[in-house]
Amino acid sequence: QVRLDQSGGGSGPAGGSLTLSCSATGSEIINNIQTMGWDRQPIGRQRESVASIASNGTTTYLDSVKGRFTISRDGATNTMYLQLNNLKPEDAATYYCYAKIPGVVHLMEYWGKGTLVTVAS
């Protein structure tokens, strides 16, 4: 049973910073994670893919967070981090972490329960 445990989140001022973490535990298959990343669900906008990091270190970012957010991963502990800098009101959302692990036919996706980020105006 794979479980993704999220921590961090909360409220920060505009221009401030927050750090989110996501730790994968529960099964030996987490040693085969190919990609981890973050989605977010804002109020009044469509769900967005925020950032991802592959096992080889390749990263992707949503255009609106480039230069402000940094994704990283500790492969030894299967823990992923998202550093949110220069927070903007539009960053307010529920952030969900995920891990993609090879299955029999396709990559299997596992999701955390989400953590709420709010940004003070």
C-alpha atoms as a PDB file:
ATOM      1  CA  GLN A   1       0.000   0.000   0.000  1.00  0.00           C
ATOM      2  CA  VAL A   2       1.622   3.226  -1.196  1.00  0.00           C
ATOM      3  CA  ARG A   3       0.891   6.328   0.827  1.00  0.00           C
ATOM      4  CA  LEU A   4       1.870   9.923   0.137  1.00  0.00           C
ATOM      5  CA  ASP A   5       2.005  12.077   3.252  1.00  0.00           C
ATOM      6  CA  GLN A   6       1.948  15.838   2.764  1.00  0.00           C
ATOM      7  CA  SER A   7       3.050  18.541   5.155  1.00  0.00           C
ATOM      8  CA  GLY A   8       3.518  22.271   5.012  1.00  0.00           C
ATOM      9  CA  GLY A   9       1.000  24.659   3.583  1.00  0.00           C
ATOM     10  CA  GLY A  10      -0.820  27.224   5.624  1.00  0.00           C
ATOM     11  CA  SER A  11      -1.054  30.949   5.145  1.00  0.00           C
ATOM     12  CA  GLY A  12       1.657  33.344   4.046  1.00  0.00           C
ATOM     13  CA  PRO A  13       1.791  36.999   3.056  1.00  0.00           C
ATOM     14  CA  ALA A  14       2.044  38.147  -0.529  1.00  0.00           C
ATOM     15  CA  GLY A  15       5.737  38.133  -1.371  1.00  0.00           C
ATOM     16  CA  GLY A  16       6.477  35.572   1.324  1.00  0.00           C
ATOM     17  CA  SER A  17       7.504  31.932   1.159  1.00  0.00           C
ATOM     18  CA  LEU A  18       6.196  28.500   2.063  1.00  0.00           C
ATOM     19  CA  THR A  19       7.635  24.997   1.779  1.00  0.00           C
ATOM     20  CA  LEU A  20       5.579  21.899   1.017  1.00  0.00           C
ATOM     21  CA  SER A  21       6.774  18.322   1.405  1.00  0.00           C
ATOM     22  CA  CYS A  22       5.500  14.955   0.228  1.00  0.00           C
ATOM     23  CA  SER A  23       6.877  11.636   1.448  1.00  0.00           C
ATOM     24  CA  ALA A  24       6.140   8.283  -0.207  1.00  0.00           C
ATOM     25  CA  THR A  25       6.034   5.255   2.090  1.00  0.00           C
ATOM     26  CA  GLY A  26       4.436   1.861   2.508  1.00  0.00           C
ATOM     27  CA  SER A  27       5.724  -0.418  -0.256  1.00  0.00           C
ATOM     28  CA  GLU A  28       8.977  -1.470  -1.876  1.00  0.00           C
ATOM     29  CA  ILE A  29       7.632  -0.229  -5.221  1.00  0.00           C
ATOM     30  CA  ILE A  30       8.262   3.348  -4.113  1.00  0.00           C
ATOM     31  CA  ASN A  31      11.906   2.625  -4.884  1.00  0.00           C
ATOM     32  CA  ASN A  32      10.863   2.610  -8.562  1.00  0.00           C
ATOM     33  CA  ILE A  33       9.198   6.029  -8.649  1.00  0.00           C
ATOM     34  CA  GLN A  34       9.748   7.607 -12.055  1.00  0.00           C
ATOM     35  CA  THR A  35       8.123  10.989 -11.503  1.00  0.00           C
ATOM     36  CA  MET A  36       6.816  13.016  -8.583  1.00  0.00           C
ATOM     37  CA  GLY A  37       5.037  16.325  -8.791  1.00  0.00           C
ATOM     38  CA  TRP A  38       2.370  18.740  -7.635  1.00  0.00           C
ATOM     39  CA  ASP A  39      -1.027  19.800  -8.926  1.00  0.00           C
ATOM     40  CA  ARG A  40      -3.174  22.529  -7.434  1.00  0.00           C
ATOM     41  CA  GLN A  41      -6.891  23.253  -7.356  1.00  0.00           C
ATOM     42  CA  PRO A  42      -7.635  26.957  -6.981  1.00  0.00           C
ATOM     43  CA  ILE A  43     -11.043  28.467  -6.347  1.00  0.00           C
ATOM     44  CA  GLY A  44     -12.607  29.683  -9.574  1.00  0.00           C
ATOM     45  CA  ARG A  45      -9.959  28.273 -11.922  1.00  0.00           C
ATOM     46  CA  GLN A  46      -9.225  24.925 -13.518  1.00  0.00           C
ATOM     47  CA  ARG A  47      -6.930  22.417 -11.858  1.00  0.00           C
ATOM     48  CA  GLU A  48      -3.294  23.081 -12.794  1.00  0.00           C
ATOM     49  CA  SER A  49      -0.139  21.020 -13.059  1.00  0.00           C
ATOM     50  CA  VAL A  50       2.351  23.041 -11.023  1.00  0.00           C
ATOM     51  CA  ALA A  51       5.671  21.208 -11.181  1.00  0.00           C
ATOM     52  CA  SER A  52       7.228  17.790 -11.604  1.00  0.00           C
ATOM     53  CA  ILE A  53      10.590  16.112 -11.157  1.00  0.00           C
ATOM     54  CA  ALA A  54      11.718  12.891 -12.797  1.00  0.00           C
ATOM     55  CA  SER A  55      14.090  10.306 -11.386  1.00  0.00           C
ATOM     56  CA  ASN A  56      16.870  11.713 -13.570  1.00  0.00           C
ATOM     57  CA  GLY A  57      16.349  15.180 -12.101  1.00  0.00           C
ATOM     58  CA  THR A  58      14.502  16.722 -15.046  1.00  0.00           C
ATOM     59  CA  THR A  59      11.974  19.310 -13.874  1.00  0.00           C
ATOM     60  CA  THR A  60       8.933  21.007 -15.369  1.00  0.00           C
ATOM     61  CA  TYR A  61       7.054  24.075 -14.156  1.00  0.00           C
ATOM     62  CA  LEU A  62       3.809  25.848 -14.823  1.00  0.00           C
ATOM     63  CA  ASP A  63       4.669  29.091 -16.627  1.00  0.00           C
ATOM     64  CA  SER A  64       3.138  31.264 -13.917  1.00  0.00           C
ATOM     65  CA  VAL A  65       5.419  29.800 -11.206  1.00  0.00           C
ATOM     66  CA  LYS A  66       8.705  29.708 -13.117  1.00  0.00           C
ATOM     67  CA  GLY A  67      11.392  31.619 -11.280  1.00  0.00           C
ATOM     68  CA  ARG A  68       9.362  31.565  -8.051  1.00  0.00           C
ATOM     69  CA  PHE A  69       8.802  27.873  -7.214  1.00  0.00           C
ATOM     70  CA  THR A  70      11.476  25.198  -6.933  1.00  0.00           C
ATOM     71  CA  ILE A  71      10.820  21.465  -6.877  1.00  0.00           C
ATOM     72  CA  SER A  72      13.363  19.025  -5.459  1.00  0.00           C
ATOM     73  CA  ARG A  73      13.525  15.382  -4.460  1.00  0.00           C
ATOM     74  CA  ASP A  74      15.509  13.272  -2.026  1.00  0.00           C
ATOM     75  CA  GLY A  75      15.743   9.906  -3.760  1.00  0.00           C
ATOM     76  CA  ALA A  76      17.065   8.140  -0.664  1.00  0.00           C
ATOM     77  CA  THR A  77      13.941   8.944   1.350  1.00  0.00           C
ATOM     78  CA  ASN A  78      11.461   9.388  -1.530  1.00  0.00           C
ATOM     79  CA  THR A  79      10.586  12.799  -0.205  1.00  0.00           C
ATOM     80  CA  MET A  80       9.715  15.679  -2.516  1.00  0.00           C
ATOM     81  CA  TYR A  81       9.712  19.378  -1.707  1.00  0.00           C
ATOM     82  CA  LEU A  82       8.138  22.418  -3.294  1.00  0.00           C
ATOM     83  CA  GLN A  83       9.579  25.782  -2.296  1.00  0.00           C
ATOM     84  CA  LEU A  84       7.099  28.566  -2.988  1.00  0.00           C
ATOM     85  CA  ASN A  85       8.765  31.979  -3.092  1.00  0.00           C
ATOM     86  CA  ASN A  86       7.341  35.420  -3.811  1.00  0.00           C
ATOM     87  CA  LEU A  87       3.812  34.230  -3.127  1.00  0.00           C
ATOM     88  CA  LYS A  88       1.021  35.804  -5.114  1.00  0.00           C
ATOM     89  CA  PRO A  89      -2.728  35.751  -4.349  1.00  0.00           C
ATOM     90  CA  GLU A  90      -3.304  33.469  -7.337  1.00  0.00           C
ATOM     91  CA  ASP A  91      -1.105  30.826  -5.668  1.00  0.00           C
ATOM     92  CA  ALA A  92      -3.884  30.181  -3.152  1.00  0.00           C
ATOM     93  CA  ALA A  93      -5.121  26.646  -3.769  1.00  0.00           C
ATOM     94  CA  THR A  94      -5.203  23.128  -2.461  1.00  0.00           C
ATOM     95  CA  TYR A  95      -1.931  21.493  -3.494  1.00  0.00           C
ATOM     96  CA  TYR A  96      -1.849  17.759  -4.239  1.00  0.00           C
ATOM     97  CA  CYS A  97       1.335  15.739  -4.603  1.00  0.00           C
ATOM     98  CA  TYR A  98       1.607  12.639  -6.752  1.00  0.00           C
ATOM     99  CA  ALA A  99       3.999   9.841  -7.621  1.00  0.00           C
ATOM    100  CA  LYS A 100       4.084   7.802 -10.799  1.00  0.00           C
ATOM    101  CA  ILE A 101       5.323   4.217 -10.539  1.00  0.00           C
ATOM    102  CA  PRO A 102       5.575   1.665 -13.377  1.00  0.00           C
ATOM    103  CA  GLY A 103       2.796  -0.911 -13.391  1.00  0.00           C
ATOM    104  CA  VAL A 104       2.095  -3.918 -15.584  1.00  0.00           C
ATOM    105  CA  VAL A 105       0.608  -1.894 -18.457  1.00  0.00           C
ATOM    106  CA  HIS A 106       1.157   1.758 -17.626  1.00  0.00           C
ATOM    107  CA  LEU A 107       2.431   4.134 -14.997  1.00  0.00           C
ATOM    108  CA  MET A 108       0.341   3.970 -11.829  1.00  0.00           C
ATOM    109  CA  GLU A 109      -0.499   7.244 -10.124  1.00  0.00           C
ATOM    110  CA  TYR A 110      -0.657   7.760  -6.371  1.00  0.00           C
ATOM    111  CA  TRP A 111      -1.933  10.954  -4.782  1.00  0.00           C
ATOM    112  CA  GLY A 112      -1.682  12.717  -1.474  1.00  0.00           C
ATOM    113  CA  LYS A 113      -4.731  14.143   0.276  1.00  0.00           C
ATOM    114  CA  GLY A 114      -3.799  17.750  -0.425  1.00  0.00           C
ATOM    115  CA  THR A 115      -2.785  20.712   1.677  1.00  0.00           C
ATOM    116  CA  LEU A 116      -4.325  24.176   1.604  1.00  0.00           C
ATOM    117  CA  VAL A 117      -2.220  27.235   0.812  1.00  0.00           C
ATOM    118  CA  THR A 118      -3.676  30.681   1.403  1.00  0.00           C
ATOM    119  CA  VAL A 119      -2.044  34.005   0.616  1.00  0.00           C
ATOM    120  CA  ALA A 120      -2.858  37.143   2.568  1.00  0.00           C
ATOM    121  CA  SER A 121      -3.674  40.160   0.450  1.00  0.00           C
END
